[in-house]
C-alpha atoms as a PDB file:
ATOM      1  CA  ALA A   1      58.952  72.048  75.748  1.00  0.00           C
ATOM      2  CA  CYS A   2      58.843  72.748  79.280  1.00  0.00           C
ATOM      3  CA  SER A   3      59.307  76.144  81.616  1.00  0.00           C
ATOM      4  CA  ASP A   4      60.493  77.197  85.307  1.00  0.00           C
ATOM      5  CA  GLU A   5      60.797  80.341  86.941  1.00  0.00           C
ATOM      6  CA  ASP A   6      62.056  81.418  90.082  1.00  0.00           C
ATOM      7  CA  ASP A   7      59.471  81.950  92.753  1.00  0.00           C
ATOM      8  CA  PRO A   8      58.954  86.283  93.169  1.00  0.00           C
ATOM      9  CA  GLY A   9      60.391  87.863  95.317  1.00  0.00           C
ATOM     10  CA  ALA A  10      61.329  84.261  97.223  1.00  0.00           C
ATOM     11  CA  ASP A  11      65.317  85.127  97.096  1.00  0.00           C
ATOM     12  CA  SER A  12      64.666  85.141 101.321  1.00  0.00           C
ATOM     13  CA  SER A  13      68.380  86.752 102.935  1.00  0.00           C
ATOM     14  CA  SER A  14      65.812  89.246 104.387  1.00  0.00           C
ATOM     15  CA  SER A  15      64.082  87.207 106.064  1.00  0.00           C
ATOM     16  CA  GLY A  16      66.272  86.500 109.059  1.00  0.00           C
ATOM     17  CA  SER A  17      63.824  88.246 111.131  1.00  0.00           C
ATOM     18  CA  THR A  18      61.248  85.802 111.282  1.00  0.00           C
ATOM     19  CA  ALA A  19      62.553  83.782 113.983  1.00  0.00           C
ATOM     20  CA  SER A  20      62.910  86.411 116.672  1.00  0.00           C
ATOM     21  CA  GLY A  21      60.670  86.829 119.746  1.00  0.00           C
ATOM     22  CA  SER A  22      59.333  83.597 119.158  1.00  0.00           C
ATOM     23  CA  SER A  23      60.040  82.078 122.222  1.00  0.00           C
ATOM     24  CA  ALA A  24      58.740  84.975 124.183  1.00  0.00           C
ATOM     25  CA  GLU A  25      55.076  82.932 123.394  1.00  0.00           C
ATOM     26  CA  PRO A  26      55.614  79.298 123.438  1.00  0.00           C
ATOM     27  CA  THR A  27      52.078  78.850 123.258  1.00  0.00           C
ATOM     28  CA  GLU A  28      52.230  80.284 119.508  1.00  0.00           C
ATOM     29  CA  SER A  29      53.639  77.024 118.388  1.00  0.00           C
ATOM     30  CA  ALA A  30      50.840  75.427 118.973  1.00  0.00           C
ATOM     31  CA  ARG A  31      48.436  78.302 117.478  1.00  0.00           C
ATOM     32  CA  PRO A  32      47.623  77.250 113.688  1.00  0.00           C
ATOM     33  CA  TYR A  33      48.624  79.857 110.959  1.00  0.00           C
ATOM     34  CA  LEU A  34      45.804  79.053 109.131  1.00  0.00           C
ATOM     35  CA  PRO A  35      42.267  77.124 109.892  1.00  0.00           C
ATOM     36  CA  VAL A  36      42.305  73.187 109.701  1.00  0.00           C
ATOM     37  CA  PRO A  37      39.623  70.910 110.616  1.00  0.00           C
ATOM     38  CA  ALA A  38      39.319  69.136 114.110  1.00  0.00           C
ATOM     39  CA  GLY A  39      42.420  67.335 115.218  1.00  0.00           C
ATOM     40  CA  VAL A  40      44.746  68.141 112.576  1.00  0.00           C
ATOM     41  CA  GLU A  41      48.332  69.304 114.046  1.00  0.00           C
ATOM     42  CA  LEU A  42      50.255  71.233 111.806  1.00  0.00           C
ATOM     43  CA  SER A  43      53.994  70.715 111.790  1.00  0.00           C
ATOM     44  CA  PRO A  44      56.117  74.150 113.600  1.00  0.00           C
ATOM     45  CA  GLN A  45      57.346  76.707 111.242  1.00  0.00           C
ATOM     46  CA  GLY A  46      61.086  76.274 110.968  1.00  0.00           C
ATOM     47  CA  SER A  47      60.704  72.513 110.965  1.00  0.00           C
ATOM     48  CA  GLN A  48      64.455  71.105 110.058  1.00  0.00           C
ATOM     49  CA  LEU A  49      63.907  67.348 108.285  1.00  0.00           C
ATOM     50  CA  ALA A  50      65.369  64.841 107.257  1.00  0.00           C
ATOM     51  CA  VAL A  51      64.317  62.914 104.090  1.00  0.00           C
ATOM     52  CA  GLY A  52      61.442  60.425 104.811  1.00  0.00           C
ATOM     53  CA  ASP A  53      60.086  62.751 107.584  1.00  0.00           C
ATOM     54  CA  THR A  54      56.574  64.004 107.842  1.00  0.00           C
ATOM     55  CA  ALA A  55      55.205  67.716 108.004  1.00  0.00           C
ATOM     56  CA  THR A  56      51.899  68.324 108.340  1.00  0.00           C
ATOM     57  CA  VAL A  57      51.539  71.933 105.953  1.00  0.00           C
ATOM     58  CA  ALA A  58      48.598  74.494 105.348  1.00  0.00           C
ATOM     59  CA  TYR A  59      48.467  76.950 102.943  1.00  0.00           C
ATOM     60  CA  GLU A  60      46.266  79.404 100.840  1.00  0.00           C
ATOM     61  CA  VAL A  61      45.195  77.708  97.894  1.00  0.00           C
ATOM     62  CA  LYS A  62      43.371  80.632  97.250  1.00  0.00           C
ATOM     63  CA  GLN A  63      41.800  83.436  98.939  1.00  0.00           C
ATOM     64  CA  GLY A  64      39.441  81.980 101.104  1.00  0.00           C
ATOM     65  CA  GLU A  65      40.190  78.099 100.344  1.00  0.00           C
ATOM     66  CA  VAL A  66      43.404  76.129 102.922  1.00  0.00           C
ATOM     67  CA  GLY A  67      45.154  73.023 101.330  1.00  0.00           C
ATOM     68  CA  VAL A  68      45.978  71.262 103.930  1.00  0.00           C
ATOM     69  CA  LEU A  69      48.770  67.793 103.653  1.00  0.00           C
ATOM     70  CA  ASP A  70      50.661  65.500 105.082  1.00  0.00           C
ATOM     71  CA  LEU A  71      54.278  65.782 102.879  1.00  0.00           C
ATOM     72  CA  ALA A  72      56.893  63.391 103.198  1.00  0.00           C
ATOM     73  CA  VAL A  73      59.742  63.768 101.055  1.00  0.00           C
ATOM     74  CA  THR A  74      61.237  60.344 100.353  1.00  0.00           C
ATOM     75  CA  ARG A  75      63.779  60.290  97.970  1.00  0.00           C
ATOM     76  CA  LEU A  76      66.095  63.809  96.053  1.00  0.00           C
ATOM     77  CA  GLU A  77      67.623  62.928  92.846  1.00  0.00           C
ATOM     78  CA  LYS A  78      70.836  64.337  90.523  1.00  0.00           C
ATOM     79  CA  THR A  79      70.182  63.508  87.004  1.00  0.00           C
ATOM     80  CA  SER A  80      71.695  65.529  83.666  1.00  0.00           C
ATOM     81  CA  PHE A  81      70.138  66.201  80.214  1.00  0.00           C
ATOM     82  CA  GLY A  82      71.666  63.454  78.769  1.00  0.00           C
ATOM     83  CA  LYS A  83      70.029  60.937  81.100  1.00  0.00           C
ATOM     84  CA  SER A  84      66.671  62.313  80.918  1.00  0.00           C
ATOM     85  CA  PHE A  85      66.071  65.086  78.765  1.00  0.00           C
ATOM     86  CA  VAL A  86      67.414  63.227  75.399  1.00  0.00           C
ATOM     87  CA  GLY A  87      64.299  65.130  72.735  1.00  0.00           C
ATOM     88  CA  TRP A  88      63.413  67.712  74.983  1.00  0.00           C
ATOM     89  CA  ASP A  89      63.605  71.196  73.617  1.00  0.00           C
ATOM     90  CA  LEU A  90      65.443  73.377  76.372  1.00  0.00           C
ATOM     91  CA  ASP A  91      66.085  77.259  76.549  1.00  0.00           C
ATOM     92  CA  ALA A  92      69.496  78.321  76.899  1.00  0.00           C
ATOM     93  CA  GLY A  93      69.056  79.382  80.313  1.00  0.00           C
ATOM     94  CA  GLN A  94      67.431  76.267  81.564  1.00  0.00           C
ATOM     95  CA  GLN A  95      70.810  74.473  79.161  1.00  0.00           C
ATOM     96  CA  LYS A  96      73.043  76.200  81.807  1.00  0.00           C
ATOM     97  CA  SER A  97      70.660  74.882  84.902  1.00  0.00           C
ATOM     98  CA  ASN A  98      71.421  71.083  86.788  1.00  0.00           C
ATOM     99  CA  PRO A  99      68.419  69.109  86.971  1.00  0.00           C
ATOM    100  CA  TYR A 100      67.087  67.758  90.016  1.00  0.00           C
ATOM    101  CA  PHE A 101      63.966  64.979  90.773  1.00  0.00           C
ATOM    102  CA  VAL A 102      62.427  65.574  94.602  1.00  0.00           C
ATOM    103  CA  ARG A 103      59.897  62.513  94.710  1.00  0.00           C
ATOM    104  CA  ALA A 104      56.767  63.036  97.471  1.00  0.00           C
ATOM    105  CA  THR A 105      54.509  61.229  98.948  1.00  0.00           C
ATOM    106  CA  VAL A 106      51.322  63.290  99.874  1.00  0.00           C
ATOM    107  CA  THR A 107      48.211  62.960 101.743  1.00  0.00           C
ATOM    108  CA  ASN A 108      44.747  65.524 101.640  1.00  0.00           C
ATOM    109  CA  ARG A 109      44.266  66.355 105.134  1.00  0.00           C
ATOM    110  CA  GLY A 110      41.779  68.960 104.471  1.00  0.00           C
ATOM    111  CA  THR A 111      38.323  69.979 103.405  1.00  0.00           C
ATOM    112  CA  THR A 112      39.566  70.921  99.998  1.00  0.00           C
ATOM    113  CA  ASP A 113      39.911  68.951  96.748  1.00  0.00           C
ATOM    114  CA  LEU A 114      42.983  69.570  95.359  1.00  0.00           C
ATOM    115  CA  GLY A 115      42.911  67.789  91.958  1.00  0.00           C
ATOM    116  CA  GLY A 116      45.454  69.045  89.379  1.00  0.00           C
ATOM    117  CA  ARG A 117      47.109  70.894  91.417  1.00  0.00           C
ATOM    118  CA  ARG A 118      50.800  72.221  91.825  1.00  0.00           C
ATOM    119  CA  VAL A 119      52.467  70.490  94.697  1.00  0.00           C
ATOM    120  CA  PRO A 120      53.549  73.336  97.003  1.00  0.00           C
ATOM    121  CA  LEU A 121      57.426  72.541  97.375  1.00  0.00           C
ATOM    122  CA  TYR A 122      60.729  74.289  96.221  1.00  0.00           C
ATOM    123  CA  ILE A 123      64.212  73.581  96.155  1.00  0.00           C
ATOM    124  CA  VAL A 124      66.899  76.188  97.769  1.00  0.00           C
ATOM    125  CA  ASP A 125      69.780  76.778  95.702  1.00  0.00           C
ATOM    126  CA  GLY A 126      73.781  77.677  96.413  1.00  0.00           C
ATOM    127  CA  THR A 127      72.577  81.302  96.625  1.00  0.00           C
ATOM    128  CA  ASN A 128      69.905  80.600  99.223  1.00  0.00           C
ATOM    129  CA  THR A 129      67.060  81.423  96.660  1.00  0.00           C
ATOM    130  CA  LEU A 130      63.828  79.332  96.275  1.00  0.00           C
ATOM    131  CA  VAL A 131      63.762  77.587  92.646  1.00  0.00           C
ATOM    132  CA  GLU A 132      60.457  76.955  91.444  1.00  0.00           C
ATOM    133  CA  GLN A 133      58.816  73.573  90.300  1.00  0.00           C
ATOM    134  CA  THR A 134      59.646  73.209  85.943  1.00  0.00           C
ATOM    135  CA  THR A 135      56.828  72.048  84.142  1.00  0.00           C
ATOM    136  CA  PHE A 136      55.969  69.998  80.906  1.00  0.00           C
ATOM    137  CA  ALA A 137      53.206  70.355  78.085  1.00  0.00           C
ATOM    138  CA  SER A 138      53.318  67.008  77.975  1.00  0.00           C
ATOM    139  CA  ALA A 139      54.229  63.466  79.834  1.00  0.00           C
ATOM    140  CA  PHE A 140      57.916  63.176  81.322  1.00  0.00           C
ATOM    141  CA  PRO A 141      58.269  59.984  82.121  1.00  0.00           C
ATOM    142  CA  PRO A 142      61.619  60.245  83.763  1.00  0.00           C
ATOM    143  CA  CYS A 143      59.417  61.787  86.733  1.00  0.00           C
ATOM    144  CA  GLU A 144      55.794  61.984  87.042  1.00  0.00           C
ATOM    145  CA  PRO A 145      53.480  63.300  88.111  1.00  0.00           C
ATOM    146  CA  GLY A 146      54.136  66.454  88.774  1.00  0.00           C
ATOM    147  CA  THR A 147      50.589  67.429  89.990  1.00  0.00           C
ATOM    148  CA  PHE A 148      47.999  65.793  92.139  1.00  0.00           C
ATOM    149  CA  PRO A 149      45.423  63.510  90.619  1.00  0.00           C
ATOM    150  CA  LYS A 150      42.808  65.025  88.774  1.00  0.00           C
ATOM    151  CA  LYS A 151      40.487  64.468  91.534  1.00  0.00           C
ATOM    152  CA  PHE A 152      42.577  64.641  94.940  1.00  0.00           C
ATOM    153  CA  PRO A 153      39.494  64.668  97.638  1.00  0.00           C
ATOM    154  CA  PRO A 154      40.110  64.762 101.367  1.00  0.00           C
ATOM    155  CA  GLY A 155      41.996  61.515 102.783  1.00  0.00           C
ATOM    156  CA  LYS A 156      43.500  60.860  99.176  1.00  0.00           C
ATOM    157  CA  SER A 157      47.175  59.603  99.025  1.00  0.00           C
ATOM    158  CA  THR A 158      49.650  60.209  96.174  1.00  0.00           C
ATOM    159  CA  GLU A 159      52.848  60.047  95.333  1.00  0.00           C
ATOM    160  CA  VAL A 160      54.864  62.587  92.975  1.00  0.00           C
ATOM    161  CA  CYS A 161      57.507  63.577  91.144  1.00  0.00           C
ATOM    162  CA  LEU A 162      58.791  67.205  90.641  1.00  0.00           C
ATOM    163  CA  VAL A 163      61.223  68.156  88.475  1.00  0.00           C
ATOM    164  CA  PHE A 164      63.641  71.000  89.341  1.00  0.00           C
ATOM    165  CA  LEU A 165      65.799  72.778  87.476  1.00  0.00           C
ATOM    166  CA  SER A 166      68.664  75.448  89.114  1.00  0.00           C
ATOM    167  CA  PRO A 167      69.947  78.120  87.465  1.00  0.00           C
ATOM    168  CA  LYS A 168      73.451  78.587  86.716  1.00  0.00           C
ATOM    169  CA  LYS A 169      74.704  74.870  87.171  1.00  0.00           C
ATOM    170  CA  GLY A 170      72.816  75.427  91.056  1.00  0.00           C
ATOM    171  CA  ALA A 171      73.165  73.205  93.542  1.00  0.00           C
ATOM    172  CA  LEU A 172      70.101  71.185  95.544  1.00  0.00           C
ATOM    173  CA  THR A 173      70.808  72.399  99.112  1.00  0.00           C
ATOM    174  CA  ALA A 174      67.115  71.374 100.689  1.00  0.00           C
ATOM    175  CA  VAL A 175      63.729  70.906  99.705  1.00  0.00           C
ATOM    176  CA  SER A 176      61.617  74.331 101.336  1.00  0.00           C
ATOM    177  CA  PHE A 177      57.776  74.233 101.838  1.00  0.00           C
ATOM    178  CA  ARG A 178      57.497  77.866 102.006  1.00  0.00           C
ATOM    179  CA  PRO A 179      54.368  79.459 100.678  1.00  0.00           C
ATOM    180  CA  THR A 180      54.340  83.045 101.801  1.00  0.00           C
ATOM    181  CA  GLN A 181      57.804  84.711 102.343  1.00  0.00           C
ATOM    182  CA  GLU A 182      56.417  85.679 105.795  1.00  0.00           C
ATOM    183  CA  PHE A 183      56.494  82.151 106.315  1.00  0.00           C
ATOM    184  CA  ASP A 184      59.642  80.730 107.984  1.00  0.00           C
ATOM    185  CA  PRO A 185      60.348  77.628 106.087  1.00  0.00           C
ATOM    186  CA  ILE A 186      60.323  73.792 106.596  1.00  0.00           C
ATOM    187  CA  THR A 187      62.994  72.561 104.821  1.00  0.00           C
ATOM    188  CA  TRP A 188      64.156  68.400 104.225  1.00  0.00           C
ATOM    189  CA  THR A 189      67.575  67.362 103.187  1.00  0.00           C
ATOM    190  CA  GLY A 190      69.096  64.500 102.591  1.00  0.00           C
ATOM    191  CA  TYR A 191      71.303  62.391 100.282  1.00  0.00           C
ATOM    192  CA  LEU A 192      71.136  63.183  96.287  1.00  0.00           C
ATOM    193  CA  GLN A 193      70.982  59.901  94.469  1.00  0.00           C
ATOM    194  CA  GLU A 194      71.020  58.178  90.739  1.00  0.00           C
ATOM    195  CA  PRO A 195      67.105  58.537  89.408  1.00  0.00           C
ATOM    196  CA  LYS A 196      65.323  55.547  89.204  1.00  0.00           C
ATOM    197  CA  PRO A 197      64.690  54.250  85.694  1.00  0.00           C
ATOM    198  CA  PRO A 198      61.153  55.474  84.347  1.00  0.00           C
ATOM    199  CA  LYS A 199      58.491  53.207  85.266  1.00  0.00           C
ATOM    200  CA  LYS A 200      56.903  50.437  82.388  1.00  0.00           C
ATOM    201  CA  SER A 201      54.275  49.622  84.695  1.00  0.00           C
ATOM    202  CA  LYS A 202      51.548  51.418  86.671  1.00  0.00           C
ATOM    203  CA  GLY A 203      53.318  48.991  90.216  1.00  0.00           C
ATOM    204  CA  LYS A 204      54.908  50.897  92.939  1.00  0.00           C
ATOM    205  CA  GLY A 205      58.554  50.954  92.838  1.00  0.00           C
ATOM    206  CA  ASP A 206      60.949  51.263  96.309  1.00  0.00           C
ATOM    207  CA  LYS A 207      60.524  54.063  98.042  1.00  0.00           C
ATOM    208  CA  GLY A 208      64.063  54.993  98.379  1.00  0.00           C
ATOM    209  CA  GLY A 209      65.383  58.385 100.775  1.00  0.00           C
ATOM    210  CA  LYS A 210      68.101  57.044 102.882  1.00  0.00           C
ATOM    211  CA  GLY A 211      70.140  54.120 100.945  1.00  0.00           C
ATOM    212  CA  ASP A 212      72.713  54.413  98.135  1.00  0.00           C
ATOM    213  CA  LYS A 213      74.590  57.043 100.039  1.00  0.00           C
ATOM    214  CA  GLY A 214      76.076  59.942  97.511  1.00  0.00           C
ATOM    215  CA  ASP A 215      76.226  63.383  97.518  1.00  0.00           C
ATOM    216  CA  GLN A 216      74.182  65.055 100.618  1.00  0.00           C
ATOM    217  CA  ALA A 217      72.433  68.071 100.184  1.00  0.00           C
ATOM    218  CA  GLY A 218      72.987  70.507 102.898  1.00  0.00           C
ATOM    219  CA  GLN A 219      70.805  72.758 104.479  1.00  0.00           C
ATOM    220  CA  GLY A 220      70.292  75.810 103.089  1.00  0.00           C
ATOM    221  CA  SER A 221      69.774  78.795 105.860  1.00  0.00           C
ATOM    222  CA  GLN A 222      67.242  80.932 104.317  1.00  0.00           C
ATOM    223  CA  GLY A 223      67.899  83.492 106.451  1.00  0.00           C
END
């Protein structure tokens, strides 16, 4: 079985005030919003990126523990339950959603081993709401791995594939890094492509991302 849920309080329609006054203190953008290792420069909050671009981000993994990542969303895929979910037990709500796969490359730039943790990315649906990643009780060959490796120490890089079920036949308008409600989200937009076939070996497939132009995922305003 698989499960998913919207991020609590993630409806971002009330977050428009976050950008006001930011131009008054230009030095603020250069000041890290969380402590990061020397030499790490975080991407500005509110950055609007294209698929293939990399952002350097930080977030609280737990109280007093900060994760720092280079995140590159490399491919957006629109699939269907008939193509990718044959044999999976889906509840009534999930059956009324639209399934999407988001592929990304991630590098640990911090000092914390993030082994086994979920990737801090969401999608933005057509109602400007964040949708959380769907997790599975067992392997899901069409789109995996959905978490960091069991050991993901500083300096390590990995490729991930995240599954999102956008409720009520919802859209994917952007991929979002927004670890807190107050954070001005960093977003990626690009073209939606057909899903890659499941890997039959450990060989790396193409990273895709900007070819095979299909439907374009537009920018979610998020406030």
